[in-house]
Amino acid sequence: MYSVEDVADQLGLHVRTVRSYVREGRLKAVKIGKQYRIAAPDLQALTGRAPYPGPVRRERYSEVSSIVEIDAISPETVSRVTNLLLAAGNSRGQQEGPLRIETIYDAERARLKVILVGAIDTTASMLKVIQVVLES
């Protein structure tokens, strides 16, 4: 529900003009106390367009996509890498942002492919986990 002032701002009209539209029946409104309230569909019916949603508030977010291919890796090491990545990914806090981890193991070629998509610092820490497992 919009106030008369909100509608006037959205349409670039004077508040008195919007009130006269309401009194004339050109704009459907409900009187609550001493003020009119206009529903979004009624405003849309008057203008023929969707109501102005207001300014979009956005926060900067950086994301990185990494693909790590590891050749000549045993199934046991694949299991260790996969389990540690999933455990580290699940133990993160909510404030760290979304993280997507996928692993694909080709047993014929003994090749593991790890796909990481997430915040830069989170992805960097996951890459460090892979490095530690491979060096041990």
Protein backbone atom coordinates (compact mmCIF):
# COMPACT_ATOMS: atom_id res chain seq x y z
CA MET A 1 0.00 0.00 0.00
CA TYR A 2 1.27 3.44 -0.95
CA SER A 3 0.55 6.78 0.64
CA VAL A 4 -0.56 9.73 -1.47
CA GLU A 5 2.93 11.18 -1.02
CA ASP A 6 4.55 7.97 -2.30
CA VAL A 7 2.36 7.96 -5.40
CA ALA A 8 3.06 11.65 -6.03
CA ASP A 9 6.82 11.00 -5.84
CA GLN A 10 6.61 8.00 -8.16
CA LEU A 11 4.52 9.82 -10.77
CA GLY A 12 6.21 13.19 -10.46
CA LEU A 13 2.92 14.87 -9.51
CA HIS A 14 1.87 17.23 -6.76
CA VAL A 15 0.20 15.63 -3.74
CA ARG A 16 -2.97 17.67 -4.37
CA THR A 17 -3.20 16.27 -7.89
CA VAL A 18 -3.08 12.71 -6.59
CA ARG A 19 -5.75 13.50 -3.98
CA SER A 20 -7.98 14.95 -6.69
CA TYR A 21 -7.50 11.77 -8.74
CA VAL A 22 -8.71 9.81 -5.71
CA ARG A 23 -11.73 12.09 -5.11
CA GLU A 24 -12.67 11.99 -8.82
CA GLY A 25 -12.47 8.19 -8.85
CA ARG A 26 -9.61 8.08 -11.38
CA LEU A 27 -7.41 6.40 -8.76
CA LYS A 28 -8.90 3.83 -6.41
CA ALA A 29 -7.86 4.30 -2.77
CA VAL A 30 -8.88 3.29 0.73
CA LYS A 31 -9.23 5.89 3.46
CA ILE A 32 -7.57 4.84 6.70
CA GLY A 33 -8.13 7.43 9.38
CA LYS A 34 -7.46 10.75 7.67
CA GLN A 35 -5.12 9.35 5.01
CA TYR A 36 -5.61 7.58 1.71
CA ARG A 37 -3.76 4.36 0.88
CA ILE A 38 -3.35 3.15 -2.69
CA ALA A 39 -2.77 -0.51 -3.52
CA ALA A 40 -0.07 -1.37 -6.04
CA PRO A 41 -2.54 -2.93 -8.55
CA ASP A 42 -4.69 0.23 -8.42
CA LEU A 43 -1.65 2.42 -9.13
CA GLN A 44 -0.71 0.09 -11.97
CA ALA A 45 -4.25 0.36 -13.38
CA LEU A 46 -3.92 4.15 -13.44
CA THR A 47 -0.47 4.25 -15.06
CA GLY A 48 -0.54 1.06 -17.08
CA ARG A 49 2.89 0.12 -15.72
CA ALA A 50 4.32 -1.62 -12.71
CA PRO A 51 4.92 0.57 -9.68
CA TYR A 52 8.41 1.91 -9.06
CA PRO A 53 10.12 -0.55 -6.69
CA GLY A 54 12.55 2.02 -5.33
CA PRO A 55 16.30 2.12 -5.65
CA VAL A 56 18.08 -1.20 -5.84
CA ARG A 57 20.39 -1.69 -2.90
CA ARG A 58 23.38 -3.76 -3.84
CA GLU A 59 26.51 -4.78 -2.06
CA ARG A 60 29.70 -5.63 -3.87
CA TYR A 61 30.48 -9.33 -3.98
CA SER A 62 33.43 -10.93 -5.73
CA GLU A 63 33.38 -14.56 -6.73
CA VAL A 64 35.99 -16.84 -8.22
CA SER A 65 35.63 -20.08 -10.15
CA SER A 66 38.51 -22.55 -9.91
CA ILE A 67 39.08 -25.88 -11.58
CA VAL A 68 41.85 -28.03 -10.18
CA GLU A 69 42.91 -31.14 -12.10
CA ILE A 70 45.06 -33.66 -10.28
CA ASP A 71 46.60 -36.53 -12.26
CA ALA A 72 47.99 -39.81 -10.95
CA ILE A 73 45.92 -39.73 -7.77
CA SER A 74 44.89 -42.84 -5.87
CA PRO A 75 41.30 -43.54 -4.85
CA GLU A 76 42.34 -43.26 -1.17
CA THR A 77 43.78 -39.78 -1.73
CA VAL A 78 40.65 -38.80 -3.70
CA SER A 79 38.57 -39.84 -0.72
CA ARG A 80 40.75 -37.78 1.67
CA VAL A 81 40.64 -34.68 -0.55
CA THR A 82 36.89 -34.93 -1.08
CA ASN A 83 36.07 -35.56 2.58
CA LEU A 84 38.29 -32.73 3.82
CA LEU A 85 36.90 -30.26 1.28
CA LEU A 86 33.32 -31.11 2.19
CA ALA A 87 34.07 -30.94 5.92
CA ALA A 88 35.84 -27.57 5.54
CA GLY A 89 33.02 -26.28 3.35
CA ASN A 90 30.34 -27.35 5.83
CA SER A 91 32.15 -25.86 8.83
CA ARG A 92 32.27 -22.34 7.39
CA GLY A 93 30.23 -19.55 8.95
CA GLN A 94 27.22 -18.02 7.18
CA GLN A 95 28.99 -14.66 6.83
CA GLU A 96 31.56 -16.19 4.47
CA GLY A 97 29.10 -16.35 1.59
CA PRO A 98 28.02 -19.20 -0.66
CA LEU A 99 30.47 -21.89 -1.75
CA ARG A 100 29.93 -24.64 -4.28
CA ILE A 101 32.20 -27.68 -4.35
CA GLU A 102 32.06 -30.44 -6.94
CA THR A 103 34.46 -33.31 -7.45
CA ILE A 104 34.71 -35.66 -10.41
CA TYR A 105 36.98 -38.68 -10.35
CA ASP A 106 37.97 -40.57 -13.48
CA ALA A 107 39.26 -43.94 -12.19
CA GLU A 108 40.55 -45.04 -15.62
CA ARG A 109 42.88 -42.06 -15.88
CA ALA A 110 43.42 -41.68 -12.12
CA ARG A 111 42.40 -38.02 -12.48
CA LEU A 112 40.47 -35.90 -10.00
CA LYS A 113 38.79 -32.69 -11.04
CA VAL A 114 37.73 -30.29 -8.27
CA ILE A 115 35.46 -27.36 -9.11
CA LEU A 116 35.18 -24.54 -6.58
CA VAL A 117 32.91 -21.51 -6.91
CA GLY A 118 32.73 -18.96 -4.13
CA ALA A 119 34.19 -15.90 -2.46
CA ILE A 120 37.86 -15.25 -3.14
CA ASP A 121 39.11 -15.87 0.40
CA THR A 122 36.93 -18.95 0.89
CA THR A 123 38.09 -20.47 -2.39
CA ALA A 124 41.71 -19.71 -1.50
CA SER A 125 41.35 -21.57 1.80
CA MET A 126 39.83 -24.57 -0.03
CA LEU A 127 42.78 -24.58 -2.44
CA LYS A 128 45.09 -24.61 0.57
CA VAL A 129 43.25 -27.70 1.90
CA ILE A 130 43.89 -29.48 -1.40
CA GLN A 131 47.57 -28.49 -1.33
CA VAL A 132 48.05 -29.76 2.25
CA VAL A 133 46.49 -33.14 1.45
CA LEU A 134 48.54 -33.58 -1.71
CA GLU A 135 51.81 -32.68 0.06
CA SER A 136 51.23 -35.11 2.92
